[in-house]
Amino acid sequence: MKLLIPDYQINLTWKDYSVPTLIIENPHQFFEIINDLVLQIKEGNNGKAIYSDKDKPVPLEKAFEILIDYLSIDSVPKMLLTKIQKRMEFQATNGPLFENTQILLAQMEHLAEEIAMSLDLEIDCEKLTVGNLLKALGITINLDYNGLGEKIFVLMDLISRFEGDKIFILVNLRSYLSSEEIQLFVDTALAHDLKFLLIDNRRYPLFHQEKRVLIDNDLCVL
């Protein structure tokens, strides 16, 4: 797994439980590189950055998630929630929960008929499905955690579990967390086999697993 920033011939890799980080001190280049990544990952556009896995090119939108606005993270994205509900529906209709699910659906339909009879009504109902029931429940995923690091970890874990393995690009996360909180976040994420890249616009103290590349204000790569 390798992400190439071609203008500077920078190769960022993920291996041996190290965490690649990219510091871009030049404001113009910081914008250019982040904007290129956002347009490729969010919009599916062509761009400069190139990602390859086992020497085969992979579109960034399929391999990466990018997080920038941490203050607005209070619930999971709608697309992710839909995939979680689909997985819940599968769990309910397959395996050990199947019998209980069928009993519950039958009871719900019977209850509707009894309510109608109590009002001297004859009704017809569409067949109740687990999917319809889950939608009616208005399920949300709780992201109300004490620390921002824990909240971001949980979101990353959910995305990886229900959308498939992704590499997460975390932009300026170290502006929001102390060195101790960053180290705890890194340790926790690596313990759960999550892969991520930190991109910052200034230097911070190194954490234990950090593999740093720096583009300084004069555009020198260090």
C-alpha atoms as a PDB file:
ATOM      1  CA  MET A   1       0.000   0.000   0.000  1.00  0.00           C
ATOM      2  CA  LYS A   2       1.566   3.238  -1.176  1.00  0.00           C
ATOM      3  CA  LEU A   3       0.333   6.803  -1.633  1.00  0.00           C
ATOM      4  CA  LEU A   4       2.451   8.883  -3.998  1.00  0.00           C
ATOM      5  CA  ILE A   5       2.538  12.692  -3.874  1.00  0.00           C
ATOM      6  CA  PRO A   6       4.182  13.107  -7.293  1.00  0.00           C
ATOM      7  CA  ASP A   7       5.153  16.791  -7.146  1.00  0.00           C
ATOM      8  CA  TYR A   8       7.597  15.915  -4.365  1.00  0.00           C
ATOM      9  CA  GLN A   9       8.175  12.217  -5.108  1.00  0.00           C
ATOM     10  CA  ILE A  10       6.900  11.384  -1.619  1.00  0.00           C
ATOM     11  CA  ASN A  11       5.865   7.769  -1.023  1.00  0.00           C
ATOM     12  CA  LEU A  12       3.747   7.181   2.070  1.00  0.00           C
ATOM     13  CA  THR A  13       3.438   3.527   3.094  1.00  0.00           C
ATOM     14  CA  TRP A  14       1.679   1.481   5.760  1.00  0.00           C
ATOM     15  CA  LYS A  15       3.625  -1.406   7.256  1.00  0.00           C
ATOM     16  CA  ASP A  16       5.029  -2.806  10.497  1.00  0.00           C
ATOM     17  CA  TYR A  17       2.553  -0.859  12.644  1.00  0.00           C
ATOM     18  CA  SER A  18       4.182   2.449  11.747  1.00  0.00           C
ATOM     19  CA  VAL A  19       2.028   5.505  11.073  1.00  0.00           C
ATOM     20  CA  PRO A  20       2.957   7.781   8.157  1.00  0.00           C
ATOM     21  CA  THR A  21       2.585  11.496   8.773  1.00  0.00           C
ATOM     22  CA  LEU A  22       2.939  14.393   6.372  1.00  0.00           C
ATOM     23  CA  ILE A  23       3.750  17.888   7.611  1.00  0.00           C
ATOM     24  CA  ILE A  24       3.192  20.655   5.024  1.00  0.00           C
ATOM     25  CA  GLU A  25       4.367  23.999   6.367  1.00  0.00           C
ATOM     26  CA  ASN A  26       3.855  25.959   3.143  1.00  0.00           C
ATOM     27  CA  PRO A  27       0.221  27.226   3.221  1.00  0.00           C
ATOM     28  CA  HIS A  28      -0.265  27.185  -0.558  1.00  0.00           C
ATOM     29  CA  GLN A  29       1.008  23.628  -0.905  1.00  0.00           C
ATOM     30  CA  PHE A  30      -1.000  22.522   2.109  1.00  0.00           C
ATOM     31  CA  PHE A  31      -4.161  23.712   0.362  1.00  0.00           C
ATOM     32  CA  GLU A  32      -3.177  22.232  -3.003  1.00  0.00           C
ATOM     33  CA  ILE A  33      -2.425  18.773  -1.614  1.00  0.00           C
ATOM     34  CA  ILE A  34      -5.474  18.633   0.681  1.00  0.00           C
ATOM     35  CA  ASN A  35      -7.767  19.927  -2.064  1.00  0.00           C
ATOM     36  CA  ASP A  36      -6.468  17.284  -4.487  1.00  0.00           C
ATOM     37  CA  LEU A  37      -7.124  14.532  -1.934  1.00  0.00           C
ATOM     38  CA  VAL A  38     -10.617  15.827  -1.104  1.00  0.00           C
ATOM     39  CA  LEU A  39     -11.677  16.075  -4.755  1.00  0.00           C
ATOM     40  CA  GLN A  40     -10.453  12.552  -5.486  1.00  0.00           C
ATOM     41  CA  ILE A  41     -11.881  10.926  -2.348  1.00  0.00           C
ATOM     42  CA  LYS A  42     -15.174  12.826  -2.061  1.00  0.00           C
ATOM     43  CA  GLU A  43     -15.962  13.570  -5.713  1.00  0.00           C
ATOM     44  CA  GLY A  44     -14.167  10.779  -7.559  1.00  0.00           C
ATOM     45  CA  ASN A  45     -12.210  13.278  -9.660  1.00  0.00           C
ATOM     46  CA  ASN A  46      -8.873  12.589 -11.279  1.00  0.00           C
ATOM     47  CA  GLY A  47      -5.939  14.218  -9.525  1.00  0.00           C
ATOM     48  CA  LYS A  48      -2.240  14.211  -8.803  1.00  0.00           C
ATOM     49  CA  ALA A  49      -1.985  11.859  -5.811  1.00  0.00           C
ATOM     50  CA  ILE A  50      -1.746   8.178  -6.786  1.00  0.00           C
ATOM     51  CA  TYR A  51      -2.556   5.187  -4.598  1.00  0.00           C
ATOM     52  CA  SER A  52      -1.461   1.640  -5.363  1.00  0.00           C
ATOM     53  CA  ASP A  53      -1.951  -1.666  -3.575  1.00  0.00           C
ATOM     54  CA  LYS A  54       0.406  -4.500  -4.520  1.00  0.00           C
ATOM     55  CA  ASP A  55       1.622  -2.331  -7.416  1.00  0.00           C
ATOM     56  CA  LYS A  56      -1.903  -1.990  -8.839  1.00  0.00           C
ATOM     57  CA  PRO A  57      -3.447   1.510  -9.009  1.00  0.00           C
ATOM     58  CA  VAL A  58      -6.634   1.951  -6.982  1.00  0.00           C
ATOM     59  CA  PRO A  59      -8.944   5.010  -7.141  1.00  0.00           C
ATOM     60  CA  LEU A  60      -8.595   7.045  -3.963  1.00  0.00           C
ATOM     61  CA  GLU A  61     -12.365   7.186  -3.488  1.00  0.00           C
ATOM     62  CA  LYS A  62     -12.427   3.393  -3.025  1.00  0.00           C
ATOM     63  CA  ALA A  63      -9.503   3.169  -0.618  1.00  0.00           C
ATOM     64  CA  PHE A  64      -9.650   6.302   1.547  1.00  0.00           C
ATOM     65  CA  GLU A  65     -11.812   8.369   3.854  1.00  0.00           C
ATOM     66  CA  ILE A  66     -10.742  11.908   4.728  1.00  0.00           C
ATOM     67  CA  LEU A  67     -11.766  13.686   7.934  1.00  0.00           C
ATOM     68  CA  ILE A  68     -11.306  17.439   8.321  1.00  0.00           C
ATOM     69  CA  ASP A  69     -14.266  18.913  10.239  1.00  0.00           C
ATOM     70  CA  TYR A  70     -14.097  17.194  13.619  1.00  0.00           C
ATOM     71  CA  LEU A  71     -16.460  19.588  15.401  1.00  0.00           C
ATOM     72  CA  SER A  72     -19.457  18.432  13.347  1.00  0.00           C
ATOM     73  CA  ILE A  73     -18.969  14.721  14.065  1.00  0.00           C
ATOM     74  CA  ASP A  74     -22.016  13.933  16.188  1.00  0.00           C
ATOM     75  CA  SER A  75     -23.634  11.120  14.207  1.00  0.00           C
ATOM     76  CA  VAL A  76     -22.632   8.609  11.552  1.00  0.00           C
ATOM     77  CA  PRO A  77     -23.092   9.567   7.875  1.00  0.00           C
ATOM     78  CA  LYS A  78     -26.424   8.567   6.337  1.00  0.00           C
ATOM     79  CA  MET A  79     -24.828   6.150   3.858  1.00  0.00           C
ATOM     80  CA  LEU A  80     -23.009   4.346   6.668  1.00  0.00           C
ATOM     81  CA  LEU A  81     -26.178   4.165   8.771  1.00  0.00           C
ATOM     82  CA  THR A  82     -28.021   2.584   5.820  1.00  0.00           C
ATOM     83  CA  LYS A  83     -25.325  -0.099   5.534  1.00  0.00           C
ATOM     84  CA  ILE A  84     -25.512  -0.774   9.275  1.00  0.00           C
ATOM     85  CA  GLN A  85     -29.280  -1.204   9.042  1.00  0.00           C
ATOM     86  CA  LYS A  86     -28.839  -3.600   6.110  1.00  0.00           C
ATOM     87  CA  ARG A  87     -26.407  -5.660   8.187  1.00  0.00           C
ATOM     88  CA  MET A  88     -28.854  -5.656  11.119  1.00  0.00           C
ATOM     89  CA  GLU A  89     -31.598  -6.858   8.772  1.00  0.00           C
ATOM     90  CA  PHE A  90     -29.363  -9.686   7.561  1.00  0.00           C
ATOM     91  CA  GLN A  91     -28.536 -10.684  11.139  1.00  0.00           C
ATOM     92  CA  ALA A  92     -32.220 -10.747  12.051  1.00  0.00           C
ATOM     93  CA  THR A  93     -33.213 -12.998   9.158  1.00  0.00           C
ATOM     94  CA  ASN A  94     -30.278 -15.397   9.201  1.00  0.00           C
ATOM     95  CA  GLY A  95     -28.854 -17.643  11.868  1.00  0.00           C
ATOM     96  CA  PRO A  96     -29.974 -17.886  15.504  1.00  0.00           C
ATOM     97  CA  LEU A  97     -32.189 -14.764  15.444  1.00  0.00           C
ATOM     98  CA  PHE A  98     -34.358 -15.946  12.538  1.00  0.00           C
ATOM     99  CA  GLU A  99     -37.040 -17.719  14.605  1.00  0.00           C
ATOM    100  CA  ASN A 100     -37.438 -14.875  17.100  1.00  0.00           C
ATOM    101  CA  THR A 101     -37.654 -12.390  14.232  1.00  0.00           C
ATOM    102  CA  GLN A 102     -40.464 -14.282  12.511  1.00  0.00           C
ATOM    103  CA  ILE A 103     -42.395 -14.588  15.775  1.00  0.00           C
ATOM    104  CA  LEU A 104     -42.075 -10.847  16.421  1.00  0.00           C
ATOM    105  CA  LEU A 105     -43.228  -9.890  12.913  1.00  0.00           C
ATOM    106  CA  ALA A 106     -46.248 -12.188  13.201  1.00  0.00           C
ATOM    107  CA  GLN A 107     -47.105 -10.689  16.595  1.00  0.00           C
ATOM    108  CA  MET A 108     -46.912  -7.167  15.195  1.00  0.00           C
ATOM    109  CA  GLU A 109     -49.266  -8.053  12.332  1.00  0.00           C
ATOM    110  CA  HIS A 110     -51.648  -9.776  14.753  1.00  0.00           C
ATOM    111  CA  LEU A 111     -51.633  -6.723  17.018  1.00  0.00           C
ATOM    112  CA  ALA A 112     -52.629  -4.471  14.122  1.00  0.00           C
ATOM    113  CA  GLU A 113     -55.552  -6.798  13.325  1.00  0.00           C
ATOM    114  CA  GLU A 114     -56.703  -6.814  16.969  1.00  0.00           C
ATOM    115  CA  ILE A 115     -56.590  -3.016  17.129  1.00  0.00           C
ATOM    116  CA  ALA A 116     -58.655  -2.818  13.944  1.00  0.00           C
ATOM    117  CA  MET A 117     -61.194  -5.325  15.281  1.00  0.00           C
ATOM    118  CA  SER A 118     -61.588  -3.279  18.473  1.00  0.00           C
ATOM    119  CA  LEU A 119     -62.660  -0.395  16.238  1.00  0.00           C
ATOM    120  CA  ASP A 120     -64.927  -2.614  14.114  1.00  0.00           C
ATOM    121  CA  LEU A 121     -62.692  -2.191  11.076  1.00  0.00           C
ATOM    122  CA  GLU A 122     -61.559  -4.539   8.360  1.00  0.00           C
ATOM    123  CA  ILE A 123     -58.017  -3.770   7.264  1.00  0.00           C
ATOM    124  CA  ASP A 124     -55.448  -5.012   4.810  1.00  0.00           C
ATOM    125  CA  CYS A 125     -51.759  -4.645   5.702  1.00  0.00           C
ATOM    126  CA  GLU A 126     -48.650  -4.823   3.626  1.00  0.00           C
ATOM    127  CA  LYS A 127     -46.354  -7.610   4.739  1.00  0.00           C
ATOM    128  CA  LEU A 128     -44.186  -6.353   7.579  1.00  0.00           C
ATOM    129  CA  THR A 129     -40.457  -6.756   6.976  1.00  0.00           C
ATOM    130  CA  VAL A 130     -37.468  -6.364   9.233  1.00  0.00           C
ATOM    131  CA  GLY A 131     -36.233  -3.520   7.055  1.00  0.00           C
ATOM    132  CA  ASN A 132     -39.482  -1.579   7.480  1.00  0.00           C
ATOM    133  CA  LEU A 133     -39.452  -2.225  11.212  1.00  0.00           C
ATOM    134  CA  LEU A 134     -35.870  -0.979  11.600  1.00  0.00           C
ATOM    135  CA  LYS A 135     -36.668   2.172   9.617  1.00  0.00           C
ATOM    136  CA  ALA A 136     -39.718   2.809  11.804  1.00  0.00           C
ATOM    137  CA  LEU A 137     -37.541   2.573  14.902  1.00  0.00           C
ATOM    138  CA  GLY A 138     -35.464   5.528  13.683  1.00  0.00           C
ATOM    139  CA  ILE A 139     -32.175   3.908  14.656  1.00  0.00           C
ATOM    140  CA  THR A 140     -29.170   6.155  15.240  1.00  0.00           C
ATOM    141  CA  ILE A 141     -25.624   5.323  16.340  1.00  0.00           C
ATOM    142  CA  ASN A 142     -24.408   7.000  19.507  1.00  0.00           C
ATOM    143  CA  LEU A 143     -21.197   9.006  19.037  1.00  0.00           C
ATOM    144  CA  ASP A 144     -21.593  10.955  22.278  1.00  0.00           C
ATOM    145  CA  TYR A 145     -18.208  10.124  23.779  1.00  0.00           C
ATOM    146  CA  ASN A 146     -16.208  12.168  26.267  1.00  0.00           C
ATOM    147  CA  GLY A 147     -13.131  12.680  24.093  1.00  0.00           C
ATOM    148  CA  LEU A 148     -12.727  13.612  20.446  1.00  0.00           C
ATOM    149  CA  GLY A 149     -10.097  10.914  19.963  1.00  0.00           C
ATOM    150  CA  GLU A 150     -12.495   8.206  21.127  1.00  0.00           C
ATOM    151  CA  LYS A 151     -15.285   9.572  18.931  1.00  0.00           C
ATOM    152  CA  ILE A 152     -13.075   9.537  15.824  1.00  0.00           C
ATOM    153  CA  PHE A 153     -11.799   6.043  16.609  1.00  0.00           C
ATOM    154  CA  VAL A 154     -15.362   4.695  16.906  1.00  0.00           C
ATOM    155  CA  LEU A 155     -16.347   6.316  13.592  1.00  0.00           C
ATOM    156  CA  MET A 156     -13.272   4.858  11.861  1.00  0.00           C
ATOM    157  CA  ASP A 157     -14.021   1.430  13.330  1.00  0.00           C
ATOM    158  CA  LEU A 158     -17.650   1.549  12.148  1.00  0.00           C
ATOM    159  CA  ILE A 159     -16.642   2.574   8.623  1.00  0.00           C
ATOM    160  CA  SER A 160     -14.084  -0.246   8.415  1.00  0.00           C
ATOM    161  CA  ARG A 161     -16.520  -2.852   9.749  1.00  0.00           C
ATOM    162  CA  PHE A 162     -19.513  -1.937   7.596  1.00  0.00           C
ATOM    163  CA  GLU A 163     -18.007  -0.390   4.453  1.00  0.00           C
ATOM    164  CA  GLY A 164     -14.810  -2.425   4.210  1.00  0.00           C
ATOM    165  CA  ASP A 165     -11.221  -1.635   5.119  1.00  0.00           C
ATOM    166  CA  LYS A 166     -10.283   1.974   4.446  1.00  0.00           C
ATOM    167  CA  ILE A 167      -7.258   4.171   5.030  1.00  0.00           C
ATOM    168  CA  PHE A 168      -8.199   7.307   6.943  1.00  0.00           C
ATOM    169  CA  ILE A 169      -6.604  10.676   6.237  1.00  0.00           C
ATOM    170  CA  LEU A 170      -6.874  12.851   9.341  1.00  0.00           C
ATOM    171  CA  VAL A 171      -6.192  16.510   8.616  1.00  0.00           C
ATOM    172  CA  ASN A 172      -4.847  18.660  11.466  1.00  0.00           C
ATOM    173  CA  LEU A 173      -6.142  16.267  14.123  1.00  0.00           C
ATOM    174  CA  ARG A 174      -3.215  17.235  16.337  1.00  0.00           C
ATOM    175  CA  SER A 175      -4.650  20.757  16.564  1.00  0.00           C
ATOM    176  CA  TYR A 176      -7.442  19.294  18.705  1.00  0.00           C
ATOM    177  CA  LEU A 177      -5.666  16.684  20.841  1.00  0.00           C
ATOM    178  CA  SER A 178      -2.780  16.810  23.285  1.00  0.00           C
ATOM    179  CA  SER A 179       0.347  14.719  22.716  1.00  0.00           C
ATOM    180  CA  GLU A 180      -0.890  12.219  25.305  1.00  0.00           C
ATOM    181  CA  GLU A 181      -4.320  12.002  23.653  1.00  0.00           C
ATOM    182  CA  ILE A 182      -2.743  11.518  20.219  1.00  0.00           C
ATOM    183  CA  GLN A 183      -0.570   8.691  21.540  1.00  0.00           C
ATOM    184  CA  LEU A 184      -3.608   6.985  23.106  1.00  0.00           C
ATOM    185  CA  PHE A 185      -5.571   7.400  19.867  1.00  0.00           C
ATOM    186  CA  VAL A 186      -2.719   5.949  17.791  1.00  0.00           C
ATOM    187  CA  ASP A 187      -2.225   3.000  20.162  1.00  0.00           C
ATOM    188  CA  THR A 188      -5.959   2.208  20.165  1.00  0.00           C
ATOM    189  CA  ALA A 189      -6.367   2.491  16.390  1.00  0.00           C
ATOM    190  CA  LEU A 190      -3.321   0.325  15.669  1.00  0.00           C
ATOM    191  CA  ALA A 191      -4.501  -2.287  18.183  1.00  0.00           C
ATOM    192  CA  HIS A 192      -7.665  -2.588  16.055  1.00  0.00           C
ATOM    193  CA  ASP A 193      -5.682  -2.832  12.788  1.00  0.00           C
ATOM    194  CA  LEU A 194      -6.875   0.539  11.490  1.00  0.00           C
ATOM    195  CA  LYS A 195      -4.680   2.305   8.946  1.00  0.00           C
ATOM    196  CA  PHE A 196      -4.429   6.067   8.803  1.00  0.00           C
ATOM    197  CA  LEU A 197      -2.358   9.051   7.728  1.00  0.00           C
ATOM    198  CA  LEU A 198      -1.976  12.264   9.713  1.00  0.00           C
ATOM    199  CA  ILE A 199      -1.512  15.453   7.685  1.00  0.00           C
ATOM    200  CA  ASP A 200      -0.687  18.640   9.589  1.00  0.00           C
ATOM    201  CA  ASN A 201       0.324  22.181   8.679  1.00  0.00           C
ATOM    202  CA  ARG A 202       2.958  22.466  11.401  1.00  0.00           C
ATOM    203  CA  ARG A 203       5.355  20.308  13.380  1.00  0.00           C
ATOM    204  CA  TYR A 204       4.354  18.485  16.543  1.00  0.00           C
ATOM    205  CA  PRO A 205       6.302  16.235  18.928  1.00  0.00           C
ATOM    206  CA  LEU A 206       6.835  12.784  17.439  1.00  0.00           C
ATOM    207  CA  PHE A 207       4.726   9.933  18.777  1.00  0.00           C
ATOM    208  CA  HIS A 208       6.244   6.472  19.117  1.00  0.00           C
ATOM    209  CA  GLN A 209       5.062   4.944  15.829  1.00  0.00           C
ATOM    210  CA  GLU A 210       5.399   8.057  13.684  1.00  0.00           C
ATOM    211  CA  LYS A 211       7.142   7.903  10.307  1.00  0.00           C
ATOM    212  CA  ARG A 212       7.313  11.576   9.335  1.00  0.00           C
ATOM    213  CA  VAL A 213       7.818  13.363   6.021  1.00  0.00           C
ATOM    214  CA  LEU A 214       8.113  17.161   6.071  1.00  0.00           C
ATOM    215  CA  ILE A 215       7.594  19.726   3.319  1.00  0.00           C
ATOM    216  CA  ASP A 216       8.919  22.938   4.830  1.00  0.00           C
ATOM    217  CA  ASN A 217       7.940  26.496   3.998  1.00  0.00           C
ATOM    218  CA  ASP A 218      10.629  26.651   1.296  1.00  0.00           C
ATOM    219  CA  LEU A 219       9.223  23.469  -0.315  1.00  0.00           C
ATOM    220  CA  CYS A 220      12.172  21.325   0.722  1.00  0.00           C
ATOM    221  CA  VAL A 221      11.357  17.706   1.585  1.00  0.00           C
ATOM    222  CA  LEU A 222      12.930  16.549   4.828  1.00  0.00           C
END
